[in-house]
């Protein structure tokens, strides 16, 4: 995320039975998470059983169960990892104001698209099942962090932002971009390749925030 596409949530799932403390344990957890992504991308969601994930990770099923109670808890941990990656990217992308509005907007949209493209099968699965495996409050907390970062950028960037209410503008921009990108994971209308998506979403953001667009 991460968006109004989630299925209804079931009771919260503990992300790990044994939180990793030592470097070896953390490495094992990372290996299991990476293996899950590989299985999803190469074999599909139905193949991503705990047995298959353990096999691809090169660990025993017993070792996997030391850290994760079931497949959903692995997905929950992967959701958190994607939250962290997106947060780190946005902090870096919004930390400076070098370049004009079009360059900044396009760079952010291209970066977010790259994050999704790095593990598309995982993100498709999380679009559908995100709130089933991750508590709503954690998803909302991530959304609030992203909106807050955008609001702070709009207030301090010095760009000719034509929206006076930065809280509302940040909310609208964030959820518009995110919803469009997540919908693109589930369906690909004719003519909407990555380049077209970047150009159209950049145009959407610039038209809304500054009233001009390089595509106009």
N, C-alpha and C. Protein backbone atom coordinates (compact mmCIF):
# COMPACT_ATOMS: atom_id res chain seq x y z
N UNK A 1 0.60 -0.17 0.00
CA UNK A 1 0.00 0.00 0.00
C UNK A 1 0.21 0.06 0.00
N UNK A 2 -3.01 -0.10 2.48
CA UNK A 2 -2.33 0.55 1.51
C UNK A 2 -3.54 0.72 0.65
N UNK A 3 -5.76 1.67 0.86
CA UNK A 3 -6.45 1.76 -0.42
C UNK A 3 -7.80 1.07 -0.38
N UNK A 4 -8.71 1.48 -0.96
CA UNK A 4 -10.03 0.93 -0.78
C UNK A 4 -10.32 -0.33 -1.54
N UNK A 5 -9.37 -1.22 -1.66
CA UNK A 5 -9.58 -2.43 -2.44
C UNK A 5 -9.55 -3.69 -1.58
N UNK A 6 -9.42 -3.55 -0.26
CA UNK A 6 -9.24 -4.72 0.57
C UNK A 6 -10.56 -5.44 0.84
N UNK A 7 -10.46 -6.73 1.07
CA UNK A 7 -11.60 -7.50 1.53
C UNK A 7 -11.79 -7.23 3.00
N UNK A 8 -12.95 -7.59 3.53
CA UNK A 8 -13.21 -7.37 4.95
C UNK A 8 -12.19 -8.10 5.79
N UNK A 9 -11.86 -7.50 6.93
CA UNK A 9 -10.78 -8.02 7.75
C UNK A 9 -11.28 -9.08 8.74
N UNK A 10 -10.48 -10.09 8.92
CA UNK A 10 -10.71 -11.09 9.96
C UNK A 10 -9.94 -10.67 11.20
N UNK A 11 -10.05 -11.41 12.31
CA UNK A 11 -9.30 -11.04 13.50
C UNK A 11 -7.82 -10.87 13.22
N UNK A 12 -7.18 -9.97 13.96
CA UNK A 12 -5.77 -9.65 13.75
C UNK A 12 -4.89 -10.89 13.85
N UNK A 13 -3.87 -10.93 13.03
CA UNK A 13 -2.96 -12.06 12.97
C UNK A 13 -1.61 -11.64 13.51
N UNK A 14 -1.07 -12.41 14.42
CA UNK A 14 0.27 -12.12 14.92
C UNK A 14 1.27 -12.37 13.81
N UNK A 15 2.15 -11.40 13.60
CA UNK A 15 3.07 -11.49 12.46
C UNK A 15 4.16 -12.52 12.67
N UNK A 16 4.49 -12.83 13.90
CA UNK A 16 5.57 -13.80 14.13
C UNK A 16 5.38 -14.46 15.47
N UNK A 17 5.73 -15.75 15.55
CA UNK A 17 5.68 -16.45 16.83
C UNK A 17 6.92 -16.14 17.65
N UNK A 18 8.04 -15.97 16.96
CA UNK A 18 9.31 -15.77 17.63
C UNK A 18 10.01 -14.56 17.00
N UNK A 19 9.81 -13.37 17.56
CA UNK A 19 10.43 -12.19 16.96
C UNK A 19 11.94 -12.37 16.87
N UNK A 20 12.52 -12.16 15.70
CA UNK A 20 13.96 -12.36 15.55
C UNK A 20 14.77 -11.31 16.30
N UNK A 21 15.75 -11.74 17.05
CA UNK A 21 16.59 -10.83 17.82
C UNK A 21 18.02 -10.84 17.32
N UNK A 22 18.57 -12.02 17.12
CA UNK A 22 19.95 -12.14 16.67
C UNK A 22 20.03 -12.00 15.16
N UNK A 23 21.22 -11.70 14.67
CA UNK A 23 21.41 -11.47 13.24
C UNK A 23 21.06 -12.72 12.43
N UNK A 24 21.39 -13.91 12.96
CA UNK A 24 21.06 -15.14 12.24
C UNK A 24 19.55 -15.31 12.11
N UNK A 25 18.82 -15.03 13.20
CA UNK A 25 17.37 -15.15 13.16
C UNK A 25 16.77 -14.15 12.18
N UNK A 26 17.29 -12.93 12.19
CA UNK A 26 16.79 -11.92 11.25
C UNK A 26 17.07 -12.33 9.82
N UNK A 27 18.22 -12.93 9.59
CA UNK A 27 18.56 -13.40 8.24
C UNK A 27 17.62 -14.52 7.81
N UNK A 28 17.27 -15.40 8.74
CA UNK A 28 16.35 -16.49 8.41
C UNK A 28 14.98 -15.95 8.05
N UNK A 29 14.50 -14.99 8.82
CA UNK A 29 13.20 -14.37 8.53
C UNK A 29 13.23 -13.70 7.17
N UNK A 30 14.29 -12.98 6.88
CA UNK A 30 14.41 -12.31 5.59
C UNK A 30 14.42 -13.31 4.45
N UNK A 31 15.10 -14.44 4.65
CA UNK A 31 15.15 -15.49 3.63
C UNK A 31 13.77 -16.07 3.38
N UNK A 32 13.01 -16.27 4.43
CA UNK A 32 11.65 -16.79 4.29
C UNK A 32 10.77 -15.80 3.55
N UNK A 33 10.88 -14.53 3.88
CA UNK A 33 10.09 -13.51 3.19
C UNK A 33 10.46 -13.43 1.72
N UNK A 34 11.75 -13.44 1.42
CA UNK A 34 12.19 -13.39 0.02
C UNK A 34 11.72 -14.62 -0.74
N UNK A 35 11.74 -15.77 -0.09
CA UNK A 35 11.28 -17.00 -0.74
C UNK A 35 9.79 -16.92 -1.06
N UNK A 36 9.03 -16.33 -0.16
CA UNK A 36 7.59 -16.17 -0.40
C UNK A 36 7.34 -15.32 -1.63
N UNK A 37 8.08 -14.23 -1.77
CA UNK A 37 7.94 -13.37 -2.93
C UNK A 37 8.27 -14.13 -4.21
N UNK A 38 9.33 -14.94 -4.18
CA UNK A 38 9.71 -15.71 -5.36
C UNK A 38 8.62 -16.71 -5.75
N UNK A 39 8.08 -17.39 -4.76
CA UNK A 39 7.02 -18.36 -5.06
C UNK A 39 5.81 -17.66 -5.66
N UNK A 40 5.43 -16.53 -5.08
CA UNK A 40 4.27 -15.79 -5.59
C UNK A 40 4.50 -15.35 -7.03
N UNK A 41 5.69 -14.84 -7.32
CA UNK A 41 5.98 -14.34 -8.66
C UNK A 41 6.11 -15.45 -9.69
N UNK A 42 6.73 -16.56 -9.29
CA UNK A 42 7.05 -17.61 -10.25
C UNK A 42 6.01 -18.72 -10.34
N UNK A 43 5.27 -18.94 -9.24
CA UNK A 43 4.36 -20.08 -9.20
C UNK A 43 2.91 -19.71 -8.88
N UNK A 44 2.69 -18.51 -8.37
CA UNK A 44 1.34 -18.07 -8.08
C UNK A 44 0.95 -18.23 -6.63
N UNK A 45 -0.13 -17.58 -6.24
CA UNK A 45 -0.56 -17.55 -4.84
C UNK A 45 -0.94 -18.93 -4.32
N UNK A 46 -1.57 -19.74 -5.14
CA UNK A 46 -2.00 -21.07 -4.67
C UNK A 46 -0.81 -21.95 -4.30
N UNK A 47 0.32 -21.72 -4.92
CA UNK A 47 1.51 -22.54 -4.65
C UNK A 47 2.23 -22.11 -3.38
N UNK A 48 1.88 -20.93 -2.87
CA UNK A 48 2.62 -20.37 -1.73
C UNK A 48 2.13 -20.94 -0.40
N UNK A 49 2.34 -22.23 -0.23
CA UNK A 49 2.06 -22.88 1.04
C UNK A 49 3.29 -22.77 1.94
N UNK A 50 3.10 -22.98 3.21
CA UNK A 50 4.26 -22.91 4.12
C UNK A 50 5.30 -23.97 3.76
N UNK A 51 4.83 -25.13 3.31
CA UNK A 51 5.77 -26.19 2.92
C UNK A 51 6.61 -25.77 1.72
N UNK A 52 5.96 -25.20 0.72
CA UNK A 52 6.68 -24.77 -0.47
C UNK A 52 7.60 -23.58 -0.16
N UNK A 53 7.14 -22.66 0.64
CA UNK A 53 7.96 -21.51 1.01
C UNK A 53 9.21 -21.97 1.75
N UNK A 54 9.05 -22.90 2.68
CA UNK A 54 10.20 -23.42 3.42
C UNK A 54 11.19 -24.10 2.47
N UNK A 55 10.65 -24.85 1.52
CA UNK A 55 11.52 -25.55 0.56
C UNK A 55 12.35 -24.55 -0.25
N UNK A 56 11.71 -23.52 -0.76
CA UNK A 56 12.41 -22.52 -1.57
C UNK A 56 13.39 -21.73 -0.71
N UNK A 57 13.03 -21.49 0.55
CA UNK A 57 13.90 -20.75 1.46
C UNK A 57 15.09 -21.58 1.93
N UNK A 58 15.01 -22.89 1.76
CA UNK A 58 16.09 -23.76 2.20
C UNK A 58 16.11 -23.99 3.69
N UNK A 59 14.92 -23.93 4.31
CA UNK A 59 14.81 -24.19 5.75
C UNK A 59 13.76 -25.26 5.96
N UNK A 60 13.74 -25.84 7.13
CA UNK A 60 12.72 -26.84 7.44
C UNK A 60 11.40 -26.14 7.74
N UNK A 61 10.31 -26.88 7.58
CA UNK A 61 9.00 -26.33 7.93
C UNK A 61 8.97 -25.98 9.42
N UNK A 62 9.63 -26.79 10.23
CA UNK A 62 9.69 -26.51 11.66
C UNK A 62 10.36 -25.18 11.95
N UNK A 63 11.43 -24.90 11.21
CA UNK A 63 12.10 -23.61 11.39
C UNK A 63 11.19 -22.46 10.99
N UNK A 64 10.49 -22.63 9.88
CA UNK A 64 9.55 -21.59 9.45
C UNK A 64 8.51 -21.31 10.54
N UNK A 65 7.99 -22.39 11.14
CA UNK A 65 6.95 -22.23 12.16
C UNK A 65 7.48 -21.64 13.47
N UNK A 66 8.78 -21.62 13.64
CA UNK A 66 9.33 -20.93 14.80
C UNK A 66 9.06 -19.42 14.72
N UNK A 67 8.97 -18.93 13.48
CA UNK A 67 8.83 -17.48 13.28
C UNK A 67 7.44 -17.07 12.79
N UNK A 68 6.78 -17.97 12.07
CA UNK A 68 5.48 -17.63 11.49
C UNK A 68 4.48 -18.74 11.74
N UNK A 69 3.29 -18.35 12.22
CA UNK A 69 2.29 -19.35 12.55
C UNK A 69 1.61 -19.96 11.34
N UNK A 70 1.53 -19.21 10.25
CA UNK A 70 0.88 -19.69 9.03
C UNK A 70 1.24 -18.76 7.87
N UNK A 71 0.67 -19.02 6.71
CA UNK A 71 1.00 -18.20 5.54
C UNK A 71 0.55 -16.77 5.72
N UNK A 72 -0.60 -16.57 6.34
CA UNK A 72 -1.10 -15.20 6.52
C UNK A 72 -0.15 -14.36 7.36
N UNK A 73 0.48 -14.97 8.35
CA UNK A 73 1.42 -14.20 9.18
C UNK A 73 2.67 -13.83 8.38
N UNK A 74 3.02 -14.64 7.38
CA UNK A 74 4.12 -14.27 6.49
C UNK A 74 3.72 -13.08 5.63
N UNK A 75 2.49 -13.12 5.11
CA UNK A 75 2.00 -12.00 4.31
C UNK A 75 1.93 -10.72 5.13
N UNK A 76 1.55 -10.86 6.39
CA UNK A 76 1.50 -9.70 7.29
C UNK A 76 2.88 -9.09 7.43
N UNK A 77 3.89 -9.92 7.60
CA UNK A 77 5.27 -9.43 7.72
C UNK A 77 5.73 -8.79 6.42
N UNK A 78 5.33 -9.37 5.30
CA UNK A 78 5.68 -8.78 4.01
C UNK A 78 4.99 -7.43 3.82
N UNK A 79 3.76 -7.32 4.28
CA UNK A 79 3.07 -6.04 4.22
C UNK A 79 3.85 -4.97 4.98
N UNK A 80 4.29 -5.33 6.18
CA UNK A 80 5.07 -4.38 6.99
C UNK A 80 6.36 -4.00 6.28
N UNK A 81 7.01 -4.97 5.64
CA UNK A 81 8.26 -4.68 4.94
C UNK A 81 8.02 -3.73 3.78
N UNK A 82 6.91 -3.90 3.07
CA UNK A 82 6.59 -2.99 1.98
C UNK A 82 6.23 -1.61 2.50
N UNK A 83 5.56 -1.54 3.66
CA UNK A 83 5.31 -0.24 4.28
C UNK A 83 6.63 0.48 4.55
N UNK A 84 7.58 -0.25 5.10
CA UNK A 84 8.88 0.35 5.44
C UNK A 84 9.60 0.82 4.18
N UNK A 85 9.56 0.04 3.13
CA UNK A 85 10.24 0.42 1.89
C UNK A 85 9.59 1.66 1.28
N UNK A 86 8.27 1.70 1.28
CA UNK A 86 7.58 2.86 0.73
C UNK A 86 7.84 4.11 1.57
N UNK A 87 7.87 3.94 2.89
CA UNK A 87 8.13 5.08 3.77
C UNK A 87 9.53 5.63 3.54
N UNK A 88 10.51 4.74 3.43
CA UNK A 88 11.89 5.17 3.20
C UNK A 88 12.02 5.88 1.86
N UNK A 89 11.36 5.35 0.83
CA UNK A 89 11.42 5.98 -0.47
C UNK A 89 10.81 7.38 -0.44
N UNK A 90 9.63 7.50 0.16
CA UNK A 90 8.95 8.80 0.18
C UNK A 90 9.73 9.83 0.98
N UNK A 91 10.33 9.42 2.07
CA UNK A 91 11.14 10.35 2.85
C UNK A 91 12.28 10.90 2.01
N UNK A 92 12.94 10.02 1.26
CA UNK A 92 14.03 10.47 0.41
C UNK A 92 13.54 11.35 -0.74
N UNK A 93 12.44 10.94 -1.35
CA UNK A 93 11.92 11.67 -2.51
C UNK A 93 11.42 13.06 -2.14
N UNK A 94 10.93 13.21 -0.91
CA UNK A 94 10.37 14.49 -0.47
C UNK A 94 11.33 15.31 0.38
N UNK A 95 12.54 14.83 0.52
CA UNK A 95 13.50 15.51 1.40
C UNK A 95 14.10 16.76 0.78
N UNK A 96 14.06 16.88 -0.53
CA UNK A 96 14.62 18.04 -1.20
C UNK A 96 13.62 18.63 -2.18
N UNK A 97 13.94 19.77 -2.68
CA UNK A 97 13.05 20.43 -3.64
C UNK A 97 13.78 20.73 -4.94
N UNK A 98 14.82 19.96 -5.23
CA UNK A 98 15.55 20.17 -6.48
C UNK A 98 14.66 19.81 -7.66
N UNK A 99 14.65 20.68 -8.67
CA UNK A 99 13.83 20.43 -9.83
C UNK A 99 12.47 21.08 -9.71
N UNK A 100 11.79 21.16 -10.81
CA UNK A 100 10.46 21.74 -10.82
C UNK A 100 9.41 20.74 -10.39
N UNK A 101 8.17 21.22 -10.36
CA UNK A 101 7.06 20.39 -9.90
C UNK A 101 6.90 19.14 -10.76
N UNK A 102 7.05 19.29 -12.08
CA UNK A 102 6.89 18.13 -12.97
C UNK A 102 7.96 17.08 -12.72
N UNK A 103 9.20 17.52 -12.53
CA UNK A 103 10.29 16.57 -12.30
C UNK A 103 10.10 15.83 -10.99
N UNK A 104 9.70 16.55 -9.95
CA UNK A 104 9.50 15.92 -8.64
C UNK A 104 8.35 14.93 -8.69
N UNK A 105 7.23 15.35 -9.28
CA UNK A 105 6.06 14.48 -9.35
C UNK A 105 6.36 13.22 -10.15
N UNK A 106 7.00 13.38 -11.30
CA UNK A 106 7.31 12.22 -12.14
C UNK A 106 8.28 11.28 -11.44
N UNK A 107 9.27 11.83 -10.75
CA UNK A 107 10.23 10.99 -10.03
C UNK A 107 9.57 10.16 -8.95
N UNK A 108 8.64 10.76 -8.22
CA UNK A 108 7.94 10.03 -7.16
C UNK A 108 7.07 8.92 -7.75
N UNK A 109 6.35 9.24 -8.80
CA UNK A 109 5.46 8.25 -9.41
C UNK A 109 6.26 7.10 -10.02
N UNK A 110 7.37 7.42 -10.67
CA UNK A 110 8.22 6.37 -11.23
C UNK A 110 8.80 5.51 -10.12
N UNK A 111 9.19 6.13 -9.00
CA UNK A 111 9.74 5.37 -7.88
C UNK A 111 8.73 4.44 -7.26
N UNK A 112 7.50 4.92 -7.08
CA UNK A 112 6.45 4.07 -6.52
C UNK A 112 6.12 2.92 -7.46
N UNK A 113 6.09 3.21 -8.74
CA UNK A 113 5.83 2.15 -9.72
C UNK A 113 6.91 1.09 -9.66
N UNK A 114 8.16 1.52 -9.47
CA UNK A 114 9.27 0.57 -9.36
C UNK A 114 9.14 -0.31 -8.13
N UNK A 115 8.65 0.26 -7.02
CA UNK A 115 8.43 -0.54 -5.82
C UNK A 115 7.41 -1.64 -6.07
N UNK A 116 6.33 -1.31 -6.74
CA UNK A 116 5.31 -2.31 -7.05
C UNK A 116 5.84 -3.33 -8.04
N UNK A 117 6.61 -2.85 -9.03
CA UNK A 117 7.12 -3.75 -10.07
C UNK A 117 8.15 -4.73 -9.53
N UNK A 118 8.77 -4.41 -8.40
CA UNK A 118 9.79 -5.30 -7.83
C UNK A 118 9.19 -6.62 -7.38
N UNK A 119 7.94 -6.60 -6.95
CA UNK A 119 7.27 -7.85 -6.54
C UNK A 119 5.77 -7.71 -6.83
N UNK A 120 5.41 -7.73 -8.10
CA UNK A 120 4.01 -7.48 -8.49
C UNK A 120 3.01 -8.49 -7.96
N UNK A 121 3.38 -9.76 -7.93
CA UNK A 121 2.44 -10.78 -7.46
C UNK A 121 2.10 -10.56 -5.99
N UNK A 122 3.10 -10.18 -5.19
CA UNK A 122 2.84 -9.88 -3.78
C UNK A 122 1.89 -8.72 -3.65
N UNK A 123 2.12 -7.65 -4.38
CA UNK A 123 1.26 -6.48 -4.26
C UNK A 123 -0.15 -6.75 -4.76
N UNK A 124 -0.28 -7.57 -5.79
CA UNK A 124 -1.62 -7.94 -6.23
C UNK A 124 -2.37 -8.68 -5.14
N UNK A 125 -1.65 -9.59 -4.47
CA UNK A 125 -2.28 -10.35 -3.39
C UNK A 125 -2.64 -9.44 -2.22
N UNK A 126 -1.77 -8.49 -1.90
CA UNK A 126 -2.04 -7.60 -0.78
C UNK A 126 -3.17 -6.63 -1.09
N UNK A 127 -3.35 -6.27 -2.35
CA UNK A 127 -4.48 -5.42 -2.71
C UNK A 127 -5.79 -6.09 -2.31
N UNK A 128 -5.86 -7.39 -2.55
CA UNK A 128 -7.09 -8.15 -2.29
C UNK A 128 -7.20 -8.55 -0.82
N UNK A 129 -6.08 -8.94 -0.20
CA UNK A 129 -6.14 -9.54 1.13
C UNK A 129 -5.47 -8.71 2.22
N UNK A 130 -5.09 -7.48 1.90
CA UNK A 130 -4.33 -6.70 2.87
C UNK A 130 -4.97 -6.54 4.23
N UNK A 131 -6.24 -6.18 4.27
CA UNK A 131 -6.89 -5.97 5.57
C UNK A 131 -7.30 -7.27 6.24
N UNK A 132 -7.21 -8.38 5.51
CA UNK A 132 -7.48 -9.66 6.15
C UNK A 132 -6.27 -10.12 6.95
N UNK A 133 -5.08 -9.76 6.50
CA UNK A 133 -3.88 -10.24 7.18
C UNK A 133 -3.19 -9.17 8.02
N UNK A 134 -3.57 -7.91 7.85
CA UNK A 134 -2.95 -6.82 8.60
C UNK A 134 -4.03 -5.98 9.26
N UNK A 135 -3.93 -5.73 10.57
CA UNK A 135 -4.95 -4.94 11.27
C UNK A 135 -5.16 -3.57 10.63
N UNK A 136 -6.41 -3.13 10.64
CA UNK A 136 -6.76 -1.87 10.02
C UNK A 136 -5.95 -0.71 10.57
N UNK A 137 -5.70 -0.71 11.88
CA UNK A 137 -5.01 0.45 12.47
C UNK A 137 -3.59 0.59 11.93
N UNK A 138 -2.93 -0.52 11.60
CA UNK A 138 -1.58 -0.43 11.04
C UNK A 138 -1.60 0.09 9.61
N UNK A 139 -2.61 -0.30 8.85
CA UNK A 139 -2.76 0.22 7.50
C UNK A 139 -3.05 1.72 7.55
N UNK A 140 -3.95 2.12 8.44
CA UNK A 140 -4.29 3.53 8.57
C UNK A 140 -3.11 4.35 9.05
N UNK A 141 -2.30 3.79 9.94
CA UNK A 141 -1.13 4.51 10.43
C UNK A 141 -0.15 4.77 9.29
N UNK A 142 0.01 3.79 8.41
CA UNK A 142 0.88 3.99 7.25
C UNK A 142 0.33 5.09 6.35
N UNK A 143 -0.96 5.02 6.06
CA UNK A 143 -1.57 6.06 5.22
C UNK A 143 -1.39 7.44 5.82
N UNK A 144 -1.57 7.56 7.14
CA UNK A 144 -1.41 8.85 7.80
C UNK A 144 0.01 9.36 7.70
N UNK A 145 1.00 8.47 7.81
CA UNK A 145 2.40 8.88 7.67
C UNK A 145 2.65 9.43 6.27
N UNK A 146 2.12 8.76 5.27
CA UNK A 146 2.33 9.20 3.90
C UNK A 146 1.65 10.56 3.65
N UNK A 147 0.41 10.69 4.09
CA UNK A 147 -0.31 11.95 3.90
C UNK A 147 0.40 13.09 4.64
N UNK A 148 0.88 12.81 5.84
CA UNK A 148 1.58 13.82 6.62
C UNK A 148 2.86 14.26 5.93
N UNK A 149 3.60 13.32 5.36
CA UNK A 149 4.84 13.66 4.65
C UNK A 149 4.55 14.52 3.43
N UNK A 150 3.50 14.21 2.71
CA UNK A 150 3.14 15.01 1.54
C UNK A 150 2.68 16.40 1.96
N UNK A 151 1.89 16.48 3.01
CA UNK A 151 1.42 17.79 3.49
C UNK A 151 2.59 18.67 3.88
N UNK A 152 3.56 18.10 4.60
CA UNK A 152 4.73 18.88 5.00
C UNK A 152 5.50 19.36 3.77
N UNK A 153 5.61 18.51 2.76
CA UNK A 153 6.31 18.90 1.54
C UNK A 153 5.58 20.04 0.85
N UNK A 154 4.27 19.94 0.72
CA UNK A 154 3.51 20.99 0.05
C UNK A 154 3.66 22.34 0.76
N UNK A 155 3.74 22.28 2.09
CA UNK A 155 3.82 23.51 2.86
C UNK A 155 5.19 24.17 2.79
N UNK A 156 6.24 23.38 2.53
CA UNK A 156 7.60 23.92 2.61
C UNK A 156 8.36 23.92 1.30
N UNK A 157 7.79 23.40 0.24
CA UNK A 157 8.54 23.19 -1.00
C UNK A 157 8.85 24.48 -1.75
N UNK A 158 8.04 25.50 -1.58
CA UNK A 158 8.22 26.73 -2.34
C UNK A 158 7.65 26.64 -3.75
N UNK A 159 7.06 25.51 -4.10
CA UNK A 159 6.43 25.36 -5.41
C UNK A 159 5.12 26.13 -5.45
N UNK A 160 4.67 26.51 -6.63
CA UNK A 160 3.44 27.31 -6.74
C UNK A 160 2.17 26.46 -6.55
N UNK A 161 1.99 25.94 -5.36
CA UNK A 161 0.83 25.10 -5.06
C UNK A 161 -0.42 25.97 -5.00
N UNK A 162 -1.44 25.62 -5.76
CA UNK A 162 -2.63 26.46 -5.80
C UNK A 162 -3.72 25.99 -4.83
N UNK A 163 -3.45 24.96 -4.09
CA UNK A 163 -4.40 24.47 -3.09
C UNK A 163 -4.01 25.04 -1.73
N UNK A 164 -4.88 25.83 -1.14
CA UNK A 164 -4.54 26.48 0.13
C UNK A 164 -4.64 25.53 1.31
N UNK A 165 -5.50 24.55 1.22
CA UNK A 165 -5.66 23.58 2.31
C UNK A 165 -4.74 22.39 2.02
N UNK A 166 -3.55 22.42 2.60
CA UNK A 166 -2.56 21.38 2.32
C UNK A 166 -2.96 20.03 2.90
N UNK A 167 -3.71 20.02 3.98
CA UNK A 167 -4.17 18.75 4.54
C UNK A 167 -5.07 18.02 3.54
N UNK A 168 -6.01 18.74 2.98
CA UNK A 168 -6.92 18.14 2.01
C UNK A 168 -6.17 17.76 0.74
N UNK A 169 -5.30 18.65 0.27
CA UNK A 169 -4.57 18.38 -0.97
C UNK A 169 -3.70 17.14 -0.84
N UNK A 170 -3.01 17.00 0.29
CA UNK A 170 -2.16 15.83 0.51
C UNK A 170 -2.98 14.56 0.53
N UNK A 171 -4.13 14.59 1.17
CA UNK A 171 -5.02 13.43 1.24
C UNK A 171 -5.50 13.03 -0.16
N UNK A 172 -5.94 14.01 -0.94
CA UNK A 172 -6.47 13.73 -2.27
C UNK A 172 -5.37 13.19 -3.19
N UNK A 173 -4.20 13.82 -3.17
CA UNK A 173 -3.11 13.37 -4.04
C UNK A 173 -2.67 11.96 -3.69
N UNK A 174 -2.45 11.72 -2.40
CA UNK A 174 -1.96 10.40 -1.99
C UNK A 174 -2.92 9.30 -2.40
N UNK A 175 -4.19 9.45 -2.03
CA UNK A 175 -5.13 8.37 -2.28
C UNK A 175 -5.48 8.24 -3.76
N UNK A 176 -5.44 9.34 -4.50
CA UNK A 176 -5.69 9.25 -5.95
C UNK A 176 -4.58 8.47 -6.64
N UNK A 177 -3.33 8.79 -6.31
CA UNK A 177 -2.20 8.11 -6.93
C UNK A 177 -2.17 6.64 -6.52
N UNK A 178 -2.34 6.40 -5.24
CA UNK A 178 -2.24 5.03 -4.75
C UNK A 178 -3.34 4.15 -5.32
N UNK A 179 -4.56 4.66 -5.33
CA UNK A 179 -5.68 3.88 -5.85
C UNK A 179 -5.48 3.55 -7.33
N UNK A 180 -5.00 4.51 -8.10
CA UNK A 180 -4.77 4.28 -9.52
C UNK A 180 -3.70 3.22 -9.74
N UNK A 181 -2.62 3.31 -8.98
CA UNK A 181 -1.53 2.35 -9.16
C UNK A 181 -1.93 0.95 -8.72
N UNK A 182 -2.69 0.85 -7.65
CA UNK A 182 -3.11 -0.47 -7.20
C UNK A 182 -4.14 -1.08 -8.15
N UNK A 183 -5.00 -0.24 -8.70
CA UNK A 183 -5.96 -0.75 -9.68
C UNK A 183 -5.23 -1.28 -10.91
N UNK A 184 -4.14 -0.62 -11.27
CA UNK A 184 -3.33 -1.04 -12.42
C UNK A 184 -2.72 -2.43 -12.19
N UNK A 185 -2.48 -2.78 -10.93
CA UNK A 185 -1.96 -4.12 -10.63
C UNK A 185 -2.99 -5.21 -10.95
N UNK A 186 -4.25 -4.87 -10.84
CA UNK A 186 -5.31 -5.86 -11.03
C UNK A 186 -5.84 -5.90 -12.45
N UNK A 187 -5.72 -4.80 -13.17
CA UNK A 187 -6.21 -4.78 -14.53
C UNK A 187 -5.34 -3.84 -15.35
N UNK A 188 -5.21 -4.15 -16.63
CA UNK A 188 -4.38 -3.34 -17.52
C UNK A 188 -5.19 -2.97 -18.76
N UNK A 189 -5.88 -1.83 -18.73
CA UNK A 189 -6.66 -1.40 -19.90
C UNK A 189 -5.76 -1.25 -21.12
N UNK A 190 -6.29 -1.42 -22.31
CA UNK A 190 -5.50 -1.27 -23.53
C UNK A 190 -4.81 0.10 -23.57
N UNK A 191 -3.53 0.09 -23.89
CA UNK A 191 -2.79 1.33 -24.02
C UNK A 191 -2.19 1.85 -22.74
N UNK A 192 -2.48 1.22 -21.61
CA UNK A 192 -1.97 1.71 -20.33
C UNK A 192 -0.74 0.90 -19.92
N UNK A 193 0.38 1.18 -20.57
CA UNK A 193 1.63 0.57 -20.13
C UNK A 193 2.27 1.46 -19.06
N UNK A 194 3.45 1.07 -18.59
CA UNK A 194 4.07 1.82 -17.49
C UNK A 194 4.32 3.28 -17.86
N UNK A 195 4.81 3.49 -19.08
CA UNK A 195 5.10 4.87 -19.49
C UNK A 195 3.84 5.72 -19.52
N UNK A 196 2.77 5.16 -20.08
CA UNK A 196 1.52 5.90 -20.14
C UNK A 196 0.98 6.17 -18.74
N UNK A 197 1.13 5.19 -17.85
CA UNK A 197 0.65 5.38 -16.48
C UNK A 197 1.38 6.53 -15.79
N UNK A 198 2.71 6.55 -15.94
CA UNK A 198 3.49 7.62 -15.32
C UNK A 198 3.07 8.98 -15.86
N UNK A 199 2.92 9.08 -17.17
CA UNK A 199 2.56 10.37 -17.77
C UNK A 199 1.17 10.82 -17.34
N UNK A 200 0.22 9.92 -17.33
CA UNK A 200 -1.14 10.30 -17.00
C UNK A 200 -1.29 10.67 -15.52
N UNK A 201 -0.64 9.91 -14.64
CA UNK A 201 -0.75 10.22 -13.21
C UNK A 201 0.02 11.49 -12.90
N UNK A 202 1.15 11.71 -13.56
CA UNK A 202 1.88 12.97 -13.38
C UNK A 202 1.00 14.14 -13.80
N UNK A 203 0.32 14.01 -14.91
CA UNK A 203 -0.58 15.05 -15.39
C UNK A 203 -1.70 15.30 -14.37
N UNK A 204 -2.24 14.23 -13.82
CA UNK A 204 -3.31 14.35 -12.82
C UNK A 204 -2.85 15.16 -11.61
N UNK A 205 -1.67 14.81 -11.09
CA UNK A 205 -1.14 15.47 -9.89
C UNK A 205 -0.82 16.93 -10.16
N UNK A 206 -0.14 17.20 -11.28
CA UNK A 206 0.24 18.58 -11.59
C UNK A 206 -0.96 19.47 -11.86
N UNK A 207 -1.93 18.94 -12.60
CA UNK A 207 -3.12 19.73 -12.89
C UNK A 207 -3.85 20.10 -11.60
N UNK A 208 -3.90 19.18 -10.67
CA UNK A 208 -4.60 19.43 -9.41
C UNK A 208 -3.83 20.39 -8.51
N UNK A 209 -2.51 20.20 -8.41
CA UNK A 209 -1.72 20.97 -7.44
C UNK A 209 -1.28 22.34 -7.96
N UNK A 210 -0.84 22.40 -9.21
CA UNK A 210 -0.29 23.67 -9.71
C UNK A 210 -1.05 24.22 -10.92
N UNK A 211 -1.99 23.46 -11.44
CA UNK A 211 -2.83 23.97 -12.51
C UNK A 211 -2.19 23.93 -13.88
N UNK A 212 -1.01 23.34 -14.00
CA UNK A 212 -0.36 23.20 -15.30
C UNK A 212 0.18 21.80 -15.44
N UNK A 213 0.46 21.40 -16.66
CA UNK A 213 0.99 20.06 -16.92
C UNK A 213 1.84 20.07 -18.17
N UNK A 214 2.93 19.33 -18.19
CA UNK A 214 3.74 19.23 -19.41
C UNK A 214 2.99 18.54 -20.55
N UNK A 215 1.89 17.86 -20.24
CA UNK A 215 1.12 17.18 -21.27
C UNK A 215 0.05 18.06 -21.88
N UNK A 216 -0.17 19.23 -21.29
CA UNK A 216 -1.27 20.10 -21.75
C UNK A 216 -0.99 20.64 -23.16
